[in-house]
Amino acid sequence: MKIILLENVRKIGSIGEIIDVKRGFARNYLITKKKALFASKENIKEVEKIKQELNKKDQDRKKEAKLIHEKIKNKRYKIKKLSTENNELYGSVKPTEISKVLEEIEQVQVNPSLIQPSKEIKSLGDFDVFINLHSEVQTQIVIETVAQEEIK
């Protein structure tokens, strides 16, 4: 299925590009997230008109992503969780929790869908977490899970 990209999508293409992707990927992800349009003649003309505006928006997003990257890159964040005697957590640390920690400590908003732990955080210790801030800006932080004191 031919589509026109409305923003830069990592490993797929850049703004205004007409590409061929699988129908399901186009319908269920790119078009629903407003990252692309069907490649009809009318849409191609429309995108040509607004291409510069889309590029400017993308540059603004990239600049904002770089600011967040500079603020949080290679930092460590502690999350206190209840744990068992053998250092396993009750539950796991989810991207939404990591997003809240970043907002509280650094005053930056990072969408939980952009946060990717290298492996599931289910025990005490240090874990690498990758954050895709923009199609061209990625950063890495370390999440340290520590035992929360038992409530008596």
N, C-alpha and C. Protein backbone atom coordinates (compact mmCIF):
# COMPACT_ATOMS: atom_id res chain seq x y z
N MET A 1 0.84 -1.17 0.00
CA MET A 1 0.00 0.00 0.00
C MET A 1 0.89 1.24 0.00
N LYS A 2 0.61 2.17 -0.87
CA LYS A 2 1.40 3.41 -0.96
C LYS A 2 0.83 4.46 -0.02
N ILE A 3 1.74 5.08 0.76
CA ILE A 3 1.35 6.14 1.70
C ILE A 3 2.34 7.30 1.59
N ILE A 4 1.93 8.46 2.12
CA ILE A 4 2.80 9.64 2.19
C ILE A 4 3.07 9.89 3.66
N LEU A 5 4.35 10.00 4.04
CA LEU A 5 4.70 10.25 5.44
C LEU A 5 4.49 11.72 5.81
N LEU A 6 3.87 11.94 6.96
CA LEU A 6 3.66 13.30 7.46
C LEU A 6 4.70 13.69 8.50
N GLU A 7 5.52 12.74 8.92
CA GLU A 7 6.63 13.05 9.82
C GLU A 7 7.72 12.01 9.62
N ASN A 8 8.91 12.32 10.15
CA ASN A 8 10.02 11.38 10.04
C ASN A 8 9.73 10.18 10.93
N VAL A 9 9.81 8.99 10.34
CA VAL A 9 9.59 7.76 11.09
C VAL A 9 10.86 6.93 11.00
N ARG A 10 11.44 6.62 12.15
CA ARG A 10 12.72 5.91 12.17
C ARG A 10 12.63 4.60 11.41
N LYS A 11 13.61 4.33 10.61
CA LYS A 11 13.76 3.12 9.79
C LYS A 11 12.69 2.98 8.69
N ILE A 12 11.83 3.98 8.52
CA ILE A 12 10.79 3.91 7.50
C ILE A 12 11.03 4.96 6.42
N GLY A 13 11.13 6.24 6.81
CA GLY A 13 11.35 7.29 5.83
C GLY A 13 11.19 8.67 6.45
N SER A 14 11.24 9.71 5.59
CA SER A 14 11.15 11.08 6.08
C SER A 14 9.92 11.78 5.52
N ILE A 15 9.67 12.97 6.00
CA ILE A 15 8.48 13.76 5.66
C ILE A 15 8.31 13.90 4.15
N GLY A 16 7.08 13.67 3.69
CA GLY A 16 6.74 13.87 2.29
C GLY A 16 7.10 12.72 1.37
N GLU A 17 7.79 11.73 1.90
CA GLU A 17 8.21 10.58 1.10
C GLU A 17 7.00 9.69 0.81
N ILE A 18 6.93 9.19 -0.41
CA ILE A 18 5.88 8.24 -0.77
C ILE A 18 6.52 6.86 -0.72
N ILE A 19 6.02 6.03 0.20
CA ILE A 19 6.63 4.71 0.40
C ILE A 19 5.56 3.62 0.30
N ASP A 20 6.03 2.41 0.14
CA ASP A 20 5.15 1.24 0.06
C ASP A 20 5.33 0.44 1.34
N VAL A 21 4.24 0.27 2.11
CA VAL A 21 4.29 -0.51 3.34
C VAL A 21 3.15 -1.52 3.34
N LYS A 22 3.19 -2.43 4.29
CA LYS A 22 2.10 -3.41 4.39
C LYS A 22 0.82 -2.70 4.81
N ARG A 23 -0.28 -3.18 4.29
CA ARG A 23 -1.59 -2.58 4.52
C ARG A 23 -1.92 -2.45 6.01
N GLY A 24 -1.68 -3.48 6.79
CA GLY A 24 -1.99 -3.46 8.22
C GLY A 24 -1.18 -2.41 8.96
N PHE A 25 0.11 -2.31 8.64
CA PHE A 25 0.98 -1.32 9.28
C PHE A 25 0.50 0.09 8.96
N ALA A 26 0.11 0.30 7.70
CA ALA A 26 -0.37 1.62 7.29
C ALA A 26 -1.67 1.96 8.01
N ARG A 27 -2.64 1.08 7.95
CA ARG A 27 -3.96 1.35 8.53
C ARG A 27 -3.95 1.41 10.05
N ASN A 28 -3.29 0.44 10.68
CA ASN A 28 -3.38 0.31 12.13
C ASN A 28 -2.40 1.20 12.89
N TYR A 29 -1.33 1.61 12.25
CA TYR A 29 -0.34 2.41 12.99
C TYR A 29 -0.12 3.78 12.35
N LEU A 30 0.42 3.81 11.14
CA LEU A 30 0.82 5.08 10.55
C LEU A 30 -0.35 6.05 10.34
N ILE A 31 -1.46 5.58 9.82
CA ILE A 31 -2.58 6.47 9.53
C ILE A 31 -3.34 6.82 10.81
N THR A 32 -3.54 5.84 11.71
CA THR A 32 -4.26 6.14 12.96
C THR A 32 -3.47 7.08 13.86
N LYS A 33 -2.15 7.03 13.83
CA LYS A 33 -1.31 7.93 14.64
C LYS A 33 -1.01 9.23 13.91
N LYS A 34 -1.64 9.44 12.77
CA LYS A 34 -1.48 10.64 11.95
C LYS A 34 -0.03 10.88 11.53
N LYS A 35 0.66 9.77 11.26
CA LYS A 35 2.04 9.86 10.77
C LYS A 35 2.08 9.74 9.25
N ALA A 36 0.93 9.38 8.64
CA ALA A 36 0.90 9.19 7.18
C ALA A 36 -0.52 9.35 6.65
N LEU A 37 -0.60 9.50 5.32
CA LEU A 37 -1.88 9.56 4.59
C LEU A 37 -1.83 8.58 3.44
N PHE A 38 -3.01 8.13 2.96
CA PHE A 38 -3.06 7.32 1.74
C PHE A 38 -2.46 8.16 0.61
N ALA A 39 -1.76 7.53 -0.30
CA ALA A 39 -1.11 8.25 -1.39
C ALA A 39 -2.07 8.47 -2.57
N SER A 40 -3.11 9.25 -2.37
CA SER A 40 -4.01 9.60 -3.48
C SER A 40 -3.48 10.88 -4.13
N LYS A 41 -3.96 11.20 -5.33
CA LYS A 41 -3.48 12.40 -6.03
C LYS A 41 -3.75 13.65 -5.21
N GLU A 42 -4.95 13.72 -4.59
CA GLU A 42 -5.30 14.91 -3.78
C GLU A 42 -4.36 15.03 -2.59
N ASN A 43 -4.10 13.92 -1.90
CA ASN A 43 -3.22 13.95 -0.73
C ASN A 43 -1.79 14.31 -1.10
N ILE A 44 -1.31 13.85 -2.24
CA ILE A 44 0.05 14.18 -2.67
C ILE A 44 0.17 15.69 -2.89
N LYS A 45 -0.82 16.30 -3.54
CA LYS A 45 -0.81 17.76 -3.75
C LYS A 45 -0.86 18.49 -2.42
N GLU A 46 -1.70 18.02 -1.51
CA GLU A 46 -1.86 18.64 -0.19
C GLU A 46 -0.55 18.61 0.60
N VAL A 47 0.12 17.46 0.59
CA VAL A 47 1.37 17.31 1.33
C VAL A 47 2.47 18.19 0.74
N GLU A 48 2.50 18.34 -0.58
CA GLU A 48 3.49 19.22 -1.21
C GLU A 48 3.32 20.66 -0.71
N LYS A 49 2.06 21.07 -0.51
CA LYS A 49 1.80 22.43 -0.03
C LYS A 49 2.27 22.62 1.41
N ILE A 50 2.04 21.62 2.25
CA ILE A 50 2.34 21.80 3.68
C ILE A 50 3.66 21.17 4.12
N LYS A 51 4.47 20.75 3.15
CA LYS A 51 5.73 20.07 3.46
C LYS A 51 6.66 20.93 4.32
N GLN A 52 6.80 22.21 3.98
CA GLN A 52 7.69 23.08 4.75
C GLN A 52 7.20 23.25 6.18
N GLU A 53 5.88 23.38 6.33
CA GLU A 53 5.30 23.51 7.66
C GLU A 53 5.56 22.25 8.50
N LEU A 54 5.41 21.09 7.87
CA LEU A 54 5.67 19.82 8.55
C LEU A 54 7.14 19.71 8.94
N ASN A 55 8.04 20.15 8.06
CA ASN A 55 9.48 20.13 8.37
C ASN A 55 9.78 21.03 9.56
N LYS A 56 9.15 22.20 9.63
CA LYS A 56 9.38 23.11 10.74
C LYS A 56 8.90 22.50 12.05
N LYS A 57 7.72 21.87 12.03
CA LYS A 57 7.20 21.21 13.23
C LYS A 57 8.14 20.10 13.68
N ASP A 58 8.67 19.35 12.71
CA ASP A 58 9.58 18.25 13.03
C ASP A 58 10.87 18.79 13.64
N GLN A 59 11.38 19.91 13.11
CA GLN A 59 12.59 20.51 13.66
C GLN A 59 12.36 21.00 15.10
N ASP A 60 11.16 21.55 15.36
CA ASP A 60 10.82 21.99 16.71
C ASP A 60 10.79 20.81 17.67
N ARG A 61 10.17 19.71 17.22
CA ARG A 61 10.12 18.49 18.06
C ARG A 61 11.52 17.96 18.32
N LYS A 62 12.37 18.02 17.29
CA LYS A 62 13.74 17.53 17.42
C LYS A 62 14.52 18.38 18.43
N LYS A 63 14.33 19.71 18.36
CA LYS A 63 15.01 20.62 19.28
C LYS A 63 14.58 20.34 20.72
N GLU A 64 13.28 20.14 20.92
CA GLU A 64 12.74 19.83 22.24
C GLU A 64 13.30 18.49 22.75
N ALA A 65 13.37 17.51 21.85
CA ALA A 65 13.92 16.19 22.20
C ALA A 65 15.38 16.30 22.62
N LYS A 66 16.15 17.15 21.93
CA LYS A 66 17.57 17.33 22.27
C LYS A 66 17.73 17.97 23.65
N LEU A 67 16.85 18.92 23.99
CA LEU A 67 16.89 19.54 25.32
C LEU A 67 16.63 18.50 26.40
N ILE A 68 15.63 17.65 26.19
CA ILE A 68 15.33 16.60 27.16
C ILE A 68 16.50 15.62 27.25
N HIS A 69 17.07 15.28 26.09
CA HIS A 69 18.22 14.37 26.03
C HIS A 69 19.38 14.91 26.87
N GLU A 70 19.69 16.20 26.71
CA GLU A 70 20.79 16.81 27.48
C GLU A 70 20.51 16.79 28.98
N LYS A 71 19.26 16.93 29.35
CA LYS A 71 18.87 16.97 30.76
C LYS A 71 18.97 15.61 31.44
N ILE A 72 18.62 14.54 30.71
CA ILE A 72 18.52 13.23 31.37
C ILE A 72 19.56 12.19 30.95
N LYS A 73 20.38 12.47 29.94
CA LYS A 73 21.27 11.42 29.42
C LYS A 73 22.22 10.88 30.49
N ASN A 74 22.35 9.57 30.48
CA ASN A 74 23.25 8.83 31.38
C ASN A 74 23.05 9.10 32.86
N LYS A 75 21.86 9.52 33.27
CA LYS A 75 21.60 9.74 34.69
C LYS A 75 21.00 8.49 35.32
N ARG A 76 21.07 8.44 36.66
CA ARG A 76 20.52 7.32 37.44
C ARG A 76 19.29 7.82 38.20
N TYR A 77 18.27 7.00 38.24
CA TYR A 77 17.06 7.34 38.98
C TYR A 77 16.70 6.15 39.86
N LYS A 78 16.38 6.43 41.14
CA LYS A 78 16.02 5.37 42.08
C LYS A 78 14.51 5.26 42.15
N ILE A 79 14.05 4.01 42.15
CA ILE A 79 12.62 3.74 42.34
C ILE A 79 12.53 2.74 43.50
N LYS A 80 11.74 3.12 44.53
CA LYS A 80 11.56 2.24 45.68
C LYS A 80 10.34 1.37 45.47
N LYS A 81 10.54 0.08 45.65
CA LYS A 81 9.45 -0.89 45.47
C LYS A 81 9.51 -1.92 46.59
N LEU A 82 8.35 -2.49 46.93
CA LEU A 82 8.30 -3.60 47.87
C LEU A 82 8.93 -4.82 47.21
N SER A 83 9.74 -5.56 48.00
CA SER A 83 10.41 -6.72 47.41
C SER A 83 10.37 -7.90 48.37
N THR A 84 10.63 -9.08 47.82
CA THR A 84 10.69 -10.30 48.62
C THR A 84 12.09 -10.45 49.20
N GLU A 85 12.27 -11.51 50.00
CA GLU A 85 13.59 -11.75 50.62
C GLU A 85 14.66 -12.04 49.57
N ASN A 86 14.25 -12.65 48.44
CA ASN A 86 15.24 -12.97 47.40
C ASN A 86 15.31 -11.90 46.32
N ASN A 87 15.09 -10.64 46.69
CA ASN A 87 15.27 -9.45 45.84
C ASN A 87 14.38 -9.38 44.60
N GLU A 88 13.26 -10.06 44.61
CA GLU A 88 12.31 -9.94 43.51
C GLU A 88 11.23 -8.94 43.91
N LEU A 89 10.77 -8.17 42.94
CA LEU A 89 9.76 -7.15 43.22
C LEU A 89 8.36 -7.74 43.20
N TYR A 90 7.48 -7.12 44.00
CA TYR A 90 6.06 -7.42 43.89
C TYR A 90 5.57 -6.59 42.72
N GLY A 91 5.35 -7.22 41.59
CA GLY A 91 5.03 -6.48 40.37
C GLY A 91 6.32 -6.08 39.68
N SER A 92 6.21 -5.21 38.70
CA SER A 92 7.42 -4.76 37.99
C SER A 92 7.35 -3.25 37.79
N VAL A 93 8.47 -2.67 37.40
CA VAL A 93 8.52 -1.24 37.13
C VAL A 93 8.11 -1.03 35.68
N LYS A 94 7.04 -0.29 35.49
CA LYS A 94 6.47 -0.05 34.14
C LYS A 94 6.95 1.30 33.60
N PRO A 95 6.88 1.48 32.28
CA PRO A 95 7.26 2.77 31.68
C PRO A 95 6.48 3.97 32.25
N THR A 96 5.23 3.76 32.68
CA THR A 96 4.46 4.88 33.26
C THR A 96 5.10 5.35 34.56
N GLU A 97 5.64 4.43 35.37
CA GLU A 97 6.32 4.81 36.60
C GLU A 97 7.60 5.58 36.29
N ILE A 98 8.34 5.11 35.29
CA ILE A 98 9.58 5.79 34.90
C ILE A 98 9.26 7.20 34.41
N SER A 99 8.18 7.33 33.64
CA SER A 99 7.75 8.63 33.14
C SER A 99 7.42 9.58 34.30
N LYS A 100 6.73 9.08 35.33
CA LYS A 100 6.39 9.90 36.50
C LYS A 100 7.65 10.33 37.26
N VAL A 101 8.61 9.43 37.39
CA VAL A 101 9.87 9.76 38.07
C VAL A 101 10.60 10.88 37.31
N LEU A 102 10.66 10.78 35.98
CA LEU A 102 11.32 11.81 35.17
C LEU A 102 10.61 13.15 35.32
N GLU A 103 9.28 13.11 35.38
CA GLU A 103 8.51 14.35 35.52
C GLU A 103 8.73 14.99 36.89
N GLU A 104 8.77 14.16 37.95
CA GLU A 104 8.98 14.69 39.30
C GLU A 104 10.37 15.27 39.49
N ILE A 105 11.38 14.53 39.03
CA ILE A 105 12.77 14.93 39.29
C ILE A 105 13.27 15.97 38.29
N GLU A 106 13.06 15.75 37.00
CA GLU A 106 13.63 16.61 35.97
C GLU A 106 12.64 17.61 35.37
N GLN A 107 11.35 17.51 35.72
CA GLN A 107 10.30 18.35 35.13
C GLN A 107 10.26 18.25 33.60
N VAL A 108 10.41 17.04 33.10
CA VAL A 108 10.26 16.79 31.67
C VAL A 108 9.19 15.74 31.46
N GLN A 109 8.37 15.93 30.44
CA GLN A 109 7.33 14.96 30.16
C GLN A 109 7.78 14.04 29.03
N VAL A 110 7.81 12.76 29.34
CA VAL A 110 8.18 11.75 28.35
C VAL A 110 7.02 10.76 28.28
N ASN A 111 6.50 10.59 27.09
CA ASN A 111 5.39 9.66 26.88
C ASN A 111 5.86 8.24 27.21
N PRO A 112 5.12 7.50 28.06
CA PRO A 112 5.54 6.14 28.43
C PRO A 112 5.75 5.21 27.23
N SER A 113 5.08 5.46 26.11
CA SER A 113 5.26 4.60 24.94
C SER A 113 6.65 4.75 24.32
N LEU A 114 7.37 5.82 24.66
CA LEU A 114 8.72 6.05 24.13
C LEU A 114 9.80 5.38 24.99
N ILE A 115 9.40 4.88 26.16
CA ILE A 115 10.35 4.32 27.12
C ILE A 115 10.44 2.81 26.92
N GLN A 116 11.68 2.31 26.70
CA GLN A 116 11.90 0.89 26.46
C GLN A 116 12.99 0.34 27.37
N PRO A 117 12.60 -0.34 28.46
CA PRO A 117 13.62 -1.00 29.30
C PRO A 117 14.31 -2.10 28.50
N SER A 118 15.63 -2.29 28.72
CA SER A 118 16.36 -3.31 27.97
C SER A 118 15.84 -4.70 28.31
N LYS A 119 15.39 -4.89 29.55
CA LYS A 119 14.68 -6.11 29.93
C LYS A 119 13.69 -5.74 31.03
N GLU A 120 12.74 -6.61 31.27
CA GLU A 120 11.68 -6.30 32.23
C GLU A 120 12.28 -6.09 33.62
N ILE A 121 11.83 -5.05 34.31
CA ILE A 121 12.38 -4.70 35.63
C ILE A 121 11.53 -5.39 36.69
N LYS A 122 12.00 -6.58 37.14
CA LYS A 122 11.24 -7.39 38.10
C LYS A 122 12.02 -7.70 39.36
N SER A 123 13.24 -7.16 39.49
CA SER A 123 14.04 -7.44 40.68
C SER A 123 14.80 -6.18 41.08
N LEU A 124 15.46 -6.24 42.24
CA LEU A 124 16.27 -5.11 42.69
C LEU A 124 17.55 -5.04 41.86
N GLY A 125 18.07 -3.83 41.66
CA GLY A 125 19.31 -3.68 40.91
C GLY A 125 19.25 -2.55 39.90
N ASP A 126 20.26 -2.51 39.02
CA ASP A 126 20.34 -1.47 37.99
C ASP A 126 19.87 -2.02 36.65
N PHE A 127 19.09 -1.19 35.93
CA PHE A 127 18.57 -1.59 34.63
C PHE A 127 18.74 -0.45 33.64
N ASP A 128 19.24 -0.77 32.43
CA ASP A 128 19.36 0.22 31.37
C ASP A 128 17.99 0.43 30.75
N VAL A 129 17.65 1.71 30.51
CA VAL A 129 16.38 2.04 29.89
C VAL A 129 16.66 2.98 28.71
N PHE A 130 16.14 2.62 27.54
CA PHE A 130 16.32 3.44 26.34
C PHE A 130 15.07 4.27 26.13
N ILE A 131 15.26 5.54 25.74
CA ILE A 131 14.14 6.44 25.51
C ILE A 131 14.28 7.02 24.11
N ASN A 132 13.27 6.78 23.25
CA ASN A 132 13.24 7.31 21.89
C ASN A 132 12.50 8.65 21.91
N LEU A 133 13.23 9.74 22.03
CA LEU A 133 12.61 11.06 22.14
C LEU A 133 12.13 11.59 20.79
N HIS A 134 12.81 11.16 19.72
CA HIS A 134 12.51 11.63 18.35
C HIS A 134 13.09 10.58 17.42
N SER A 135 12.70 10.61 16.17
CA SER A 135 13.23 9.59 15.24
C SER A 135 14.75 9.68 15.11
N GLU A 136 15.34 10.83 15.44
CA GLU A 136 16.79 11.00 15.35
C GLU A 136 17.47 11.21 16.70
N VAL A 137 16.70 11.22 17.80
CA VAL A 137 17.26 11.48 19.13
C VAL A 137 16.85 10.38 20.10
N GLN A 138 17.84 9.57 20.51
CA GLN A 138 17.62 8.55 21.51
C GLN A 138 18.55 8.81 22.68
N THR A 139 18.12 8.40 23.87
CA THR A 139 18.97 8.56 25.04
C THR A 139 18.84 7.33 25.92
N GLN A 140 19.72 7.24 26.91
CA GLN A 140 19.71 6.09 27.81
C GLN A 140 19.84 6.58 29.24
N ILE A 141 19.07 5.97 30.14
CA ILE A 141 19.18 6.26 31.57
C ILE A 141 19.31 4.93 32.31
N VAL A 142 19.64 5.01 33.60
CA VAL A 142 19.73 3.81 34.42
C VAL A 142 18.68 3.93 35.51
N ILE A 143 17.86 2.90 35.66
CA ILE A 143 16.87 2.84 36.74
C ILE A 143 17.41 1.88 37.78
N GLU A 144 17.53 2.38 39.02
CA GLU A 144 17.99 1.55 40.12
C GLU A 144 16.80 1.26 41.02
N THR A 145 16.46 -0.01 41.14
CA THR A 145 15.35 -0.37 42.02
C THR A 145 15.92 -0.73 43.38
N VAL A 146 15.36 -0.10 44.41
CA VAL A 146 15.81 -0.34 45.79
C VAL A 146 14.63 -0.81 46.63
N ALA A 147 14.94 -1.54 47.69
CA ALA A 147 13.89 -2.10 48.54
C ALA A 147 13.23 -0.98 49.36
N GLN A 148 11.92 -1.01 49.38
CA GLN A 148 11.18 -0.07 50.21
C GLN A 148 11.06 -0.71 51.58
N GLU A 149 11.20 0.10 52.65
CA GLU A 149 11.13 -0.44 54.00
C GLU A 149 9.75 -1.07 54.22
N GLU A 150 9.72 -2.20 54.91
CA GLU A 150 8.45 -2.87 55.20
C GLU A 150 7.62 -2.01 56.15
N ILE A 151 6.33 -1.94 55.89
CA ILE A 151 5.42 -1.18 56.76
C ILE A 151 5.01 -2.05 57.93
N LYS A 152 5.26 -1.56 59.16
CA LYS A 152 4.96 -2.37 60.35
C LYS A 152 3.83 -1.80 61.14
